[in-house]
Structures are given as C-alpha cells and as structure tokens.
Amino acid sequence: MIDLTQGAASVTVPIQIASPSETALVAVSGLPAGIQVKYASTDTNPSGTLTFTANVSAMTGNFMPTVTVMSAGLTASAGFTLVVKSP
C-alpha cells in the first residue's frame, strides 16, 4: 500500500525487476487525476524506484493502479493499493 497526501512530500518505493536485459519499460495505469509517477532504474539492471507525488488538487480516496513492466520480450503486471488523503 502506498499512502500519499495532497501537496506533501513524494513517496519512493523500490521496484524489483528480474530480467536478462538491462532495460525495461515501466508504466503505471489507473492513477487518479493529480498523481504523478516517475520510474528510475539503477545503473546495473532495470530494478529501481517508483516515485509518486500528489499535487494539491489530486483526487482523494482509495485506488487500485497497476504497474506493468516490459523487458526482454516479456510483460508482467502487478496491482497495488494507493491511498490519497487531504492534508
């Protein structure tokens, strides 16, 4: 579960990607309006971090986005719970 507060500090979570390739395409679908996400890989493999930010007008509530990773011709997806709260 990832907890965000409108207009507050970003939340960074690790993402582990097992792939023979050092590159990956990472997409997050199902995010509510006002939520931004940035993927950053490490230097040696596609694992890295996802950083989530909620702007001051982000929709509040509980959401179930999906992370999809494409690497080396394979695709994997996983859902998670995102909670957005007002300050």
PDB file of N, CA and C in Angstrom:
ATOM      1  N   MET A   1       0.849  -1.174   0.000  1.00  0.00           N
ATOM      2  CA  MET A   1       0.000   0.000   0.000  1.00  0.00           C
ATOM      3  C   MET A   1       0.897   1.239   0.000  1.00  0.00           C
ATOM      4  N   ILE A   2       0.498   2.225  -0.771  1.00  0.00           N
ATOM      5  CA  ILE A   2       1.211   3.495  -0.829  1.00  0.00           C
ATOM      6  C   ILE A   2       0.262   4.582  -0.349  1.00  0.00           C
ATOM      7  N   ASP A   3       0.710   5.353   0.652  1.00  0.00           N
ATOM      8  CA  ASP A   3      -0.076   6.463   1.199  1.00  0.00           C
ATOM      9  C   ASP A   3       0.505   7.774   0.709  1.00  0.00           C
ATOM     10  N   LEU A   4      -0.336   8.606   0.092  1.00  0.00           N
ATOM     11  CA  LEU A   4       0.071   9.936  -0.347  1.00  0.00           C
ATOM     12  C   LEU A   4      -0.839  10.976   0.268  1.00  0.00           C
ATOM     13  N   THR A   5      -0.293  12.155   0.506  1.00  0.00           N
ATOM     14  CA  THR A   5      -1.080  13.290   0.978  1.00  0.00           C
ATOM     15  C   THR A   5      -0.979  14.398  -0.058  1.00  0.00           C
ATOM     16  N   GLN A   6      -2.116  15.013  -0.382  1.00  0.00           N
ATOM     17  CA  GLN A   6      -2.137  16.088  -1.373  1.00  0.00           C
ATOM     18  C   GLN A   6      -1.089  17.153  -1.026  1.00  0.00           C
ATOM     19  N   GLY A   7      -0.240  17.503  -1.997  1.00  0.00           N
ATOM     20  CA  GLY A   7       0.717  18.577  -1.833  1.00  0.00           C
ATOM     21  C   GLY A   7       1.863  18.297  -0.881  1.00  0.00           C
ATOM     22  N   ALA A   8       1.974  17.083  -0.365  1.00  0.00           N
ATOM     23  CA  ALA A   8       3.037  16.738   0.594  1.00  0.00           C
ATOM     24  C   ALA A   8       4.222  16.123  -0.143  1.00  0.00           C
ATOM     25  N   ALA A   9       5.193  15.669   0.628  1.00  0.00           N
ATOM     26  CA  ALA A   9       6.406  15.067   0.067  1.00  0.00           C
ATOM     27  C   ALA A   9       6.075  13.831  -0.767  1.00  0.00           C
ATOM     28  N   SER A  10       6.908  13.570  -1.748  1.00  0.00           N
ATOM     29  CA  SER A  10       6.771  12.383  -2.591  1.00  0.00           C
ATOM     30  C   SER A  10       7.061  11.120  -1.783  1.00  0.00           C
ATOM     31  N   VAL A  11       6.563   9.995  -2.293  1.00  0.00           N
ATOM     32  CA  VAL A  11       6.828   8.694  -1.692  1.00  0.00           C
ATOM     33  C   VAL A  11       7.561   7.848  -2.735  1.00  0.00           C
ATOM     34  N   THR A  12       8.716   7.295  -2.348  1.00  0.00           N
ATOM     35  CA  THR A  12       9.514   6.477  -3.253  1.00  0.00           C
ATOM     36  C   THR A  12       9.501   5.034  -2.766  1.00  0.00           C
ATOM     37  N   VAL A  13       9.210   4.122  -3.708  1.00  0.00           N
ATOM     38  CA  VAL A  13       9.174   2.693  -3.377  1.00  0.00           C
ATOM     39  C   VAL A  13      10.082   1.936  -4.341  1.00  0.00           C
ATOM     40  N   PRO A  14      10.744   0.879  -3.857  1.00  0.00           N
ATOM     41  CA  PRO A  14      11.599   0.084  -4.746  1.00  0.00           C
ATOM     42  C   PRO A  14      10.766  -0.789  -5.663  1.00  0.00           C
ATOM     43  N   ILE A  15      11.291  -1.065  -6.852  1.00  0.00           N
ATOM     44  CA  ILE A  15      10.660  -1.999  -7.775  1.00  0.00           C
ATOM     45  C   ILE A  15      11.739  -2.983  -8.224  1.00  0.00           C
ATOM     46  N   GLN A  16      11.471  -4.267  -8.006  1.00  0.00           N
ATOM     47  CA  GLN A  16      12.420  -5.316  -8.363  1.00  0.00           C
ATOM     48  C   GLN A  16      12.003  -5.928  -9.699  1.00  0.00           C
ATOM     49  N   ILE A  17      12.916  -5.895 -10.666  1.00  0.00           N
ATOM     50  CA  ILE A  17      12.638  -6.429 -11.997  1.00  0.00           C
ATOM     51  C   ILE A  17      13.703  -7.480 -12.318  1.00  0.00           C
ATOM     52  N   ALA A  18      13.268  -8.716 -12.488  1.00  0.00           N
ATOM     53  CA  ALA A  18      14.196  -9.797 -12.848  1.00  0.00           C
ATOM     54  C   ALA A  18      14.134  -9.983 -14.361  1.00  0.00           C
ATOM     55  N   SER A  19      15.226  -9.606 -15.041  1.00  0.00           N
ATOM     56  CA  SER A  19      15.254  -9.685 -16.491  1.00  0.00           C
ATOM     57  C   SER A  19      16.690  -9.847 -16.971  1.00  0.00           C
ATOM     58  N   PRO A  20      16.889 -10.589 -18.060  1.00  0.00           N
ATOM     59  CA  PRO A  20      18.239 -10.688 -18.616  1.00  0.00           C
ATOM     60  C   PRO A  20      18.672  -9.398 -19.306  1.00  0.00           C
ATOM     61  N   SER A  21      17.732  -8.498 -19.551  1.00  0.00           N
ATOM     62  CA  SER A  21      18.025  -7.224 -20.189  1.00  0.00           C
ATOM     63  C   SER A  21      18.279  -6.164 -19.122  1.00  0.00           C
ATOM     64  N   GLU A  22      19.095  -5.165 -19.462  1.00  0.00           N
ATOM     65  CA  GLU A  22      19.349  -4.075 -18.517  1.00  0.00           C
ATOM     66  C   GLU A  22      18.376  -2.922 -18.702  1.00  0.00           C
ATOM     67  N   THR A  23      17.402  -3.086 -19.586  1.00  0.00           N
ATOM     68  CA  THR A  23      16.416  -2.030 -19.808  1.00  0.00           C
ATOM     69  C   THR A  23      15.012  -2.576 -19.603  1.00  0.00           C
ATOM     70  N   ALA A  24      14.123  -1.691 -19.226  1.00  0.00           N
ATOM     71  CA  ALA A  24      12.723  -2.065 -19.040  1.00  0.00           C
ATOM     72  C   ALA A  24      11.854  -0.850 -19.304  1.00  0.00           C
ATOM     73  N   LEU A  25      10.668  -1.093 -19.820  1.00  0.00           N
ATOM     74  CA  LEU A  25       9.652  -0.055 -19.934  1.00  0.00           C
ATOM     75  C   LEU A  25       8.679  -0.279 -18.786  1.00  0.00           C
ATOM     76  N   VAL A  26       8.477   0.754 -17.986  1.00  0.00           N
ATOM     77  CA  VAL A  26       7.610   0.653 -16.821  1.00  0.00           C
ATOM     78  C   VAL A  26       6.476   1.655 -16.986  1.00  0.00           C
ATOM     79  N   ALA A  27       5.242   1.177 -16.843  1.00  0.00           N
ATOM     80  CA  ALA A  27       4.074   2.042 -16.948  1.00  0.00           C
ATOM     81  C   ALA A  27       3.160   1.782 -15.753  1.00  0.00           C
ATOM     82  N   VAL A  28       2.523   2.831 -15.278  1.00  0.00           N
ATOM     83  CA  VAL A  28       1.551   2.708 -14.185  1.00  0.00           C
ATOM     84  C   VAL A  28       0.220   3.213 -14.716  1.00  0.00           C
ATOM     85  N   SER A  29      -0.791   2.354 -14.713  1.00  0.00           N
ATOM     86  CA  SER A  29      -2.120   2.728 -15.188  1.00  0.00           C
ATOM     87  C   SER A  29      -3.089   2.774 -14.015  1.00  0.00           C
ATOM     88  N   GLY A  30      -4.182   3.484 -14.215  1.00  0.00           N
ATOM     89  CA  GLY A  30      -5.219   3.550 -13.195  1.00  0.00           C
ATOM     90  C   GLY A  30      -4.958   4.561 -12.097  1.00  0.00           C
ATOM     91  N   LEU A  31      -4.027   5.497 -12.332  1.00  0.00           N
ATOM     92  CA  LEU A  31      -3.770   6.535 -11.320  1.00  0.00           C
ATOM     93  C   LEU A  31      -4.853   7.597 -11.387  1.00  0.00           C
ATOM     94  N   PRO A  32      -5.284   8.120 -10.246  1.00  0.00           N
ATOM     95  CA  PRO A  32      -6.280   9.197 -10.257  1.00  0.00           C
ATOM     96  C   PRO A  32      -5.656  10.496 -10.743  1.00  0.00           C
ATOM     97  N   ALA A  33      -6.487  11.436 -11.114  1.00  0.00           N
ATOM     98  CA  ALA A  33      -6.023  12.758 -11.553  1.00  0.00           C
ATOM     99  C   ALA A  33      -5.189  13.412 -10.455  1.00  0.00           C
ATOM    100  N   GLY A  34      -4.110  14.066 -10.867  1.00  0.00           N
ATOM    101  CA  GLY A  34      -3.274  14.787  -9.916  1.00  0.00           C
ATOM    102  C   GLY A  34      -2.152  13.980  -9.310  1.00  0.00           C
ATOM    103  N   ILE A  35      -1.987  12.719  -9.735  1.00  0.00           N
ATOM    104  CA  ILE A  35      -0.900  11.869  -9.247  1.00  0.00           C
ATOM    105  C   ILE A  35       0.127  11.701 -10.358  1.00  0.00           C
ATOM    106  N   GLN A  36       1.382  11.979 -10.042  1.00  0.00           N
ATOM    107  CA  GLN A  36       2.468  11.769 -10.992  1.00  0.00           C
ATOM    108  C   GLN A  36       3.347  10.645 -10.470  1.00  0.00           C
ATOM    109  N   VAL A  37       3.938   9.891 -11.413  1.00  0.00           N
ATOM    110  CA  VAL A  37       4.849   8.815 -11.032  1.00  0.00           C
ATOM    111  C   VAL A  37       6.071   8.874 -11.934  1.00  0.00           C
ATOM    112  N   LYS A  38       7.243   8.630 -11.349  1.00  0.00           N
ATOM    113  CA  LYS A  38       8.498   8.631 -12.096  1.00  0.00           C
ATOM    114  C   LYS A  38       9.246   7.347 -11.777  1.00  0.00           C
ATOM    115  N   TYR A  39       9.704   6.660 -12.835  1.00  0.00           N
ATOM    116  CA  TYR A  39      10.490   5.440 -12.694  1.00  0.00           C
ATOM    117  C   TYR A  39      11.958   5.789 -12.907  1.00  0.00           C
ATOM    118  N   ALA A  40      12.825   5.298 -12.037  1.00  0.00           N
ATOM    119  CA  ALA A  40      14.272   5.481 -12.182  1.00  0.00           C
ATOM    120  C   ALA A  40      14.947   4.132 -11.985  1.00  0.00           C
ATOM    121  N   SER A  41      15.699   3.692 -13.008  1.00  0.00           N
ATOM    122  CA  SER A  41      16.401   2.417 -12.897  1.00  0.00           C
ATOM    123  C   SER A  41      17.756   2.625 -12.250  1.00  0.00           C
ATOM    124  N   THR A  42      18.347   1.520 -11.801  1.00  0.00           N
ATOM    125  CA  THR A  42      19.706   1.584 -11.272  1.00  0.00           C
ATOM    126  C   THR A  42      20.687   1.502 -12.435  1.00  0.00           C
ATOM    127  N   ASP A  43      21.968   1.657 -12.151  1.00  0.00           N
ATOM    128  CA  ASP A  43      22.985   1.634 -13.205  1.00  0.00           C
ATOM    129  C   ASP A  43      23.213   0.256 -13.796  1.00  0.00           C
ATOM    130  N   THR A  44      22.960  -0.801 -13.046  1.00  0.00           N
ATOM    131  CA  THR A  44      23.344  -2.139 -13.495  1.00  0.00           C
ATOM    132  C   THR A  44      22.193  -3.028 -13.942  1.00  0.00           C
ATOM    133  N   ASN A  45      20.972  -2.674 -13.663  1.00  0.00           N
ATOM    134  CA  ASN A  45      19.851  -3.508 -14.093  1.00  0.00           C
ATOM    135  C   ASN A  45      18.568  -2.696 -14.105  1.00  0.00           C
ATOM    136  N   PRO A  46      17.465  -3.272 -14.585  1.00  0.00           N
ATOM    137  CA  PRO A  46      16.238  -2.478 -14.677  1.00  0.00           C
ATOM    138  C   PRO A  46      15.514  -2.257 -13.348  1.00  0.00           C
ATOM    139  N   SER A  47      15.910  -2.935 -12.271  1.00  0.00           N
ATOM    140  CA  SER A  47      15.290  -2.652 -10.979  1.00  0.00           C
ATOM    141  C   SER A  47      15.599  -1.213 -10.587  1.00  0.00           C
ATOM    142  N   GLY A  48      14.764  -0.626  -9.766  1.00  0.00           N
ATOM    143  CA  GLY A  48      14.983   0.761  -9.383  1.00  0.00           C
ATOM    144  C   GLY A  48      13.925   1.245  -8.424  1.00  0.00           C
ATOM    145  N   THR A  49      13.396   2.438  -8.697  1.00  0.00           N
ATOM    146  CA  THR A  49      12.393   3.024  -7.810  1.00  0.00           C
ATOM    147  C   THR A  49      11.255   3.648  -8.611  1.00  0.00           C
ATOM    148  N   LEU A  50      10.103   3.697  -7.973  1.00  0.00           N
ATOM    149  CA  LEU A  50       8.961   4.463  -8.454  1.00  0.00           C
ATOM    150  C   LEU A  50       8.715   5.564  -7.436  1.00  0.00           C
ATOM    151  N   THR A  51       8.635   6.800  -7.898  1.00  0.00           N
ATOM    152  CA  THR A  51       8.380   7.934  -7.008  1.00  0.00           C
ATOM    153  C   THR A  51       7.014   8.516  -7.338  1.00  0.00           C
ATOM    154  N   PHE A  52       6.134   8.541  -6.344  1.00  0.00           N
ATOM    155  CA  PHE A  52       4.765   9.028  -6.505  1.00  0.00           C
ATOM    156  C   PHE A  52       4.615  10.389  -5.838  1.00  0.00           C
ATOM    157  N   THR A  53       3.916  11.303  -6.522  1.00  0.00           N
ATOM    158  CA  THR A  53       3.664  12.642  -5.994  1.00  0.00           C
ATOM    159  C   THR A  53       2.199  12.990  -6.216  1.00  0.00           C
ATOM    160  N   ALA A  54       1.572  13.563  -5.202  1.00  0.00           N
ATOM    161  CA  ALA A  54       0.181  14.014  -5.310  1.00  0.00           C
ATOM    162  C   ALA A  54       0.161  15.534  -5.266  1.00  0.00           C
ATOM    163  N   ASN A  55      -0.374  16.176  -6.304  1.00  0.00           N
ATOM    164  CA  ASN A  55      -0.460  17.633  -6.240  1.00  0.00           C
ATOM    165  C   ASN A  55      -1.612  18.050  -5.320  1.00  0.00           C
ATOM    166  N   VAL A  56      -1.729  19.340  -5.076  1.00  0.00           N
ATOM    167  CA  VAL A  56      -2.706  19.827  -4.080  1.00  0.00           C
ATOM    168  C   VAL A  56      -4.150  19.572  -4.489  1.00  0.00           C
ATOM    169  N   SER A  57      -4.390  19.338  -5.793  1.00  0.00           N
ATOM    170  CA  SER A  57      -5.761  19.088  -6.229  1.00  0.00           C
ATOM    171  C   SER A  57      -5.995  17.629  -6.627  1.00  0.00           C
ATOM    172  N   ALA A  58      -5.103  16.728  -6.206  1.00  0.00           N
ATOM    173  CA  ALA A  58      -5.250  15.309  -6.534  1.00  0.00           C
ATOM    174  C   ALA A  58      -6.554  14.758  -5.951  1.00  0.00           C
ATOM    175  N   MET A  59      -7.155  13.834  -6.680  1.00  0.00           N
ATOM    176  CA  MET A  59      -8.362  13.174  -6.178  1.00  0.00           C
ATOM    177  C   MET A  59      -8.011  12.376  -4.930  1.00  0.00           C
ATOM    178  N   THR A  60      -8.856  12.445  -3.913  1.00  0.00           N
ATOM    179  CA  THR A  60      -8.635  11.664  -2.694  1.00  0.00           C
ATOM    180  C   THR A  60      -9.446  10.371  -2.766  1.00  0.00           C
ATOM    181  N   GLY A  61      -8.999   9.382  -1.989  1.00  0.00           N
ATOM    182  CA  GLY A  61      -9.700   8.108  -1.933  1.00  0.00           C
ATOM    183  C   GLY A  61      -8.742   6.940  -2.033  1.00  0.00           C
ATOM    184  N   ASN A  62      -9.308   5.752  -2.176  1.00  0.00           N
ATOM    185  CA  ASN A  62      -8.535   4.517  -2.335  1.00  0.00           C
ATOM    186  C   ASN A  62      -8.624   4.077  -3.791  1.00  0.00           C
ATOM    187  N   PHE A  63      -7.474   3.748  -4.374  1.00  0.00           N
ATOM    188  CA  PHE A  63      -7.401   3.385  -5.783  1.00  0.00           C
ATOM    189  C   PHE A  63      -6.597   2.096  -5.929  1.00  0.00           C
ATOM    190  N   MET A  64      -6.768   1.402  -7.050  1.00  0.00           N
ATOM    191  CA  MET A  64      -6.064   0.147  -7.327  1.00  0.00           C
ATOM    192  C   MET A  64      -5.344   0.242  -8.672  1.00  0.00           C
ATOM    193  N   PRO A  65      -4.251   1.007  -8.755  1.00  0.00           N
ATOM    194  CA  PRO A  65      -3.499   1.088 -10.009  1.00  0.00           C
ATOM    195  C   PRO A  65      -2.749  -0.209 -10.306  1.00  0.00           C
ATOM    196  N   THR A  66      -2.204  -0.285 -11.510  1.00  0.00           N
ATOM    197  CA  THR A  66      -1.432  -1.448 -11.951  1.00  0.00           C
ATOM    198  C   THR A  66      -0.092  -0.984 -12.509  1.00  0.00           C
ATOM    199  N   VAL A  67       0.982  -1.666 -12.103  1.00  0.00           N
ATOM    200  CA  VAL A  67       2.311  -1.440 -12.674  1.00  0.00           C
ATOM    201  C   VAL A  67       2.543  -2.528 -13.712  1.00  0.00           C
ATOM    202  N   THR A  68       2.931  -2.117 -14.919  1.00  0.00           N
ATOM    203  CA  THR A  68       3.244  -3.058 -15.989  1.00  0.00           C
ATOM    204  C   THR A  68       4.691  -2.848 -16.407  1.00  0.00           C
ATOM    205  N   VAL A  69       5.445  -3.943 -16.466  1.00  0.00           N
ATOM    206  CA  VAL A  69       6.857  -3.907 -16.856  1.00  0.00           C
ATOM    207  C   VAL A  69       7.031  -4.752 -18.103  1.00  0.00           C
ATOM    208  N   MET A  70       7.706  -4.170 -19.102  1.00  0.00           N
ATOM    209  CA  MET A  70       8.038  -4.886 -20.333  1.00  0.00           C
ATOM    210  C   MET A  70       9.555  -4.894 -20.463  1.00  0.00           C
ATOM    211  N   SER A  71      10.139  -6.088 -20.556  1.00  0.00           N
ATOM    212  CA  SER A  71      11.583  -6.211 -20.680  1.00  0.00           C
ATOM    213  C   SER A  71      11.928  -7.545 -21.333  1.00  0.00           C
ATOM    214  N   ALA A  72      12.885  -7.538 -22.236  1.00  0.00           N
ATOM    215  CA  ALA A  72      13.369  -8.753 -22.901  1.00  0.00           C
ATOM    216  C   ALA A  72      12.232  -9.554 -23.546  1.00  0.00           C
ATOM    217  N   GLY A  73      11.246  -8.853 -24.093  1.00  0.00           N
ATOM    218  CA  GLY A  73      10.139  -9.521 -24.765  1.00  0.00           C
ATOM    219  C   GLY A  73       9.076 -10.085 -23.844  1.00  0.00           C
ATOM    220  N   LEU A  74       9.211  -9.866 -22.551  1.00  0.00           N
ATOM    221  CA  LEU A  74       8.239 -10.360 -21.575  1.00  0.00           C
ATOM    222  C   LEU A  74       7.493  -9.195 -20.942  1.00  0.00           C
ATOM    223  N   THR A  75       6.282  -9.462 -20.489  1.00  0.00           N
ATOM    224  CA  THR A  75       5.461  -8.453 -19.821  1.00  0.00           C
ATOM    225  C   THR A  75       4.933  -9.030 -18.518  1.00  0.00           C
ATOM    226  N   ALA A  76       5.001  -8.229 -17.462  1.00  0.00           N
ATOM    227  CA  ALA A  76       4.441  -8.635 -16.169  1.00  0.00           C
ATOM    228  C   ALA A  76       3.701  -7.443 -15.566  1.00  0.00           C
ATOM    229  N   SER A  77       2.606  -7.729 -14.865  1.00  0.00           N
ATOM    230  CA  SER A  77       1.812  -6.679 -14.222  1.00  0.00           C
ATOM    231  C   SER A  77       1.521  -7.042 -12.778  1.00  0.00           C
ATOM    232  N   ALA A  78       1.373  -6.010 -11.952  1.00  0.00           N
ATOM    233  CA  ALA A  78       1.004  -6.212 -10.553  1.00  0.00           C
ATOM    234  C   ALA A  78       0.186  -5.019 -10.089  1.00  0.00           C
ATOM    235  N   GLY A  79      -0.861  -5.302  -9.359  1.00  0.00           N
ATOM    236  CA  GLY A  79      -1.693  -4.241  -8.803  1.00  0.00           C
ATOM    237  C   GLY A  79      -1.249  -3.889  -7.390  1.00  0.00           C
ATOM    238  N   PHE A  80      -1.618  -2.694  -6.945  1.00  0.00           N
ATOM    239  CA  PHE A  80      -1.321  -2.259  -5.588  1.00  0.00           C
ATOM    240  C   PHE A  80      -2.388  -1.270  -5.142  1.00  0.00           C
ATOM    241  N   THR A  81      -2.438  -1.017  -3.844  1.00  0.00           N
ATOM    242  CA  THR A  81      -3.391  -0.061  -3.293  1.00  0.00           C
ATOM    243  C   THR A  81      -2.712   1.291  -3.113  1.00  0.00           C
ATOM    244  N   LEU A  82      -3.372   2.325  -3.596  1.00  0.00           N
ATOM    245  CA  LEU A  82      -2.907   3.703  -3.442  1.00  0.00           C
ATOM    246  C   LEU A  82      -3.967   4.465  -2.663  1.00  0.00           C
ATOM    247  N   VAL A  83      -3.551   5.079  -1.556  1.00  0.00           N
ATOM    248  CA  VAL A  83      -4.456   5.874  -0.735  1.00  0.00           C
ATOM    249  C   VAL A  83      -4.011   7.318  -0.829  1.00  0.00           C
ATOM    250  N   VAL A  84      -4.918   8.206  -1.251  1.00  0.00           N
ATOM    251  CA  VAL A  84      -4.620   9.630  -1.355  1.00  0.00           C
ATOM    252  C   VAL A  84      -5.495  10.348  -0.340  1.00  0.00           C
ATOM    253  N   LYS A  85      -4.829  11.135   0.536  1.00  0.00           N
ATOM    254  CA  LYS A  85      -5.538  11.832   1.613  1.00  0.00           C
ATOM    255  C   LYS A  85      -5.365  13.333   1.470  1.00  0.00           C
ATOM    256  N   SER A  86      -6.285  14.077   2.040  1.00  0.00           N
ATOM    257  CA  SER A  86      -6.128  15.535   2.102  1.00  0.00           C
ATOM    258  C   SER A  86      -5.261  15.859   3.336  1.00  0.00           C
ATOM    259  N   PRO A  87      -4.573  17.006   3.302  1.00  0.00           N
ATOM    260  CA  PRO A  87      -3.689  17.344   4.426  1.00  0.00           C
ATOM    261  C   PRO A  87      -4.449  17.611   5.717  1.00  0.00           C
TER     262      PRO A  87
END
